[in-house]
């Protein structure tokens, strides 16, 4: 599996489409990136499946709560 891939995501705050470069060399990660349009933080959760050689990216707003 290549260490870098690019994925398109939609900002959960303003709906702007963003291209994100993902580095899967460190495995599954959780990180934040700022939207270039509205400057709000976007929470990104990247799950790397080495067995099936896939990457799943989950995107949500920083202020969303899970109960």
Protein backbone atom coordinates (compact mmCIF):
# COMPACT_ATOMS: atom_id res chain seq x y z
CA UNK A 1 0.00 0.00 0.00
CA UNK A 2 1.31 3.48 -0.85
CA UNK A 3 2.11 5.67 2.16
CA UNK A 4 0.36 8.75 0.74
CA UNK A 5 -3.08 9.13 -0.76
CA UNK A 6 -5.38 12.03 -1.46
CA UNK A 7 -9.07 12.17 -0.60
CA UNK A 8 -11.79 14.74 -1.11
CA UNK A 9 -13.85 15.70 1.96
CA UNK A 10 -16.61 18.19 2.67
CA UNK A 11 -16.31 20.66 5.53
CA UNK A 12 -19.03 19.82 8.10
CA UNK A 13 -19.33 23.53 8.96
CA UNK A 14 -19.69 25.28 5.59
CA UNK A 15 -19.88 22.50 2.95
CA UNK A 16 -16.65 23.55 1.15
CA UNK A 17 -14.91 20.69 -0.71
CA UNK A 18 -11.30 20.10 0.39
CA UNK A 19 -8.55 17.80 -0.89
CA UNK A 20 -6.71 16.15 2.03
CA UNK A 21 -3.37 14.35 1.68
CA UNK A 22 -3.24 11.35 4.02
CA UNK A 23 -0.03 9.76 5.32
CA UNK A 24 -0.79 6.19 6.39
CA UNK A 25 2.82 5.25 7.23
CA UNK A 26 2.06 5.60 10.97
CA UNK A 27 -1.16 3.56 10.78
CA UNK A 28 -4.55 4.72 12.04
CA UNK A 29 -4.62 8.32 13.24
CA UNK A 30 -6.93 10.99 14.57
CA UNK A 31 -6.15 14.60 13.71
CA UNK A 32 -7.55 18.06 13.01
CA UNK A 33 -7.29 20.30 9.95
CA UNK A 34 -8.70 23.79 9.44
CA UNK A 35 -11.09 24.51 6.59
CA UNK A 36 -9.49 27.07 4.23
CA UNK A 37 -12.91 28.65 3.56
CA UNK A 38 -14.41 29.11 7.05
CA UNK A 39 -11.33 28.44 9.27
CA UNK A 40 -13.21 26.05 11.58
CA UNK A 41 -11.49 22.90 12.84
CA UNK A 42 -12.41 19.66 11.09
CA UNK A 43 -11.99 16.42 13.04
CA UNK A 44 -10.56 13.62 10.88
CA UNK A 45 -10.35 9.99 11.97
CA UNK A 46 -8.33 7.82 9.59
CA UNK A 47 -8.58 4.04 9.99
CA UNK A 48 -5.97 2.01 8.07
CA UNK A 49 -6.86 -1.59 7.26
CA UNK A 50 -3.55 -3.27 6.40
CA UNK A 51 -5.20 -6.62 5.69
CA UNK A 52 -7.49 -5.27 2.95
CA UNK A 53 -5.14 -2.38 2.03
CA UNK A 54 -7.84 0.26 2.48
CA UNK A 55 -8.16 3.59 4.26
CA UNK A 56 -11.43 4.74 5.81
CA UNK A 57 -11.70 8.44 6.64
CA UNK A 58 -14.40 9.71 9.00
CA UNK A 59 -15.03 13.47 9.07
CA UNK A 60 -17.03 15.45 11.62
CA UNK A 61 -17.18 18.87 13.24
CA UNK A 62 -14.99 19.48 16.26
CA UNK A 63 -18.02 20.47 18.35
CA UNK A 64 -20.12 17.33 17.76
CA UNK A 65 -20.74 15.21 20.85
CA UNK A 66 -21.32 11.47 20.98
CA UNK A 67 -23.47 10.32 23.91
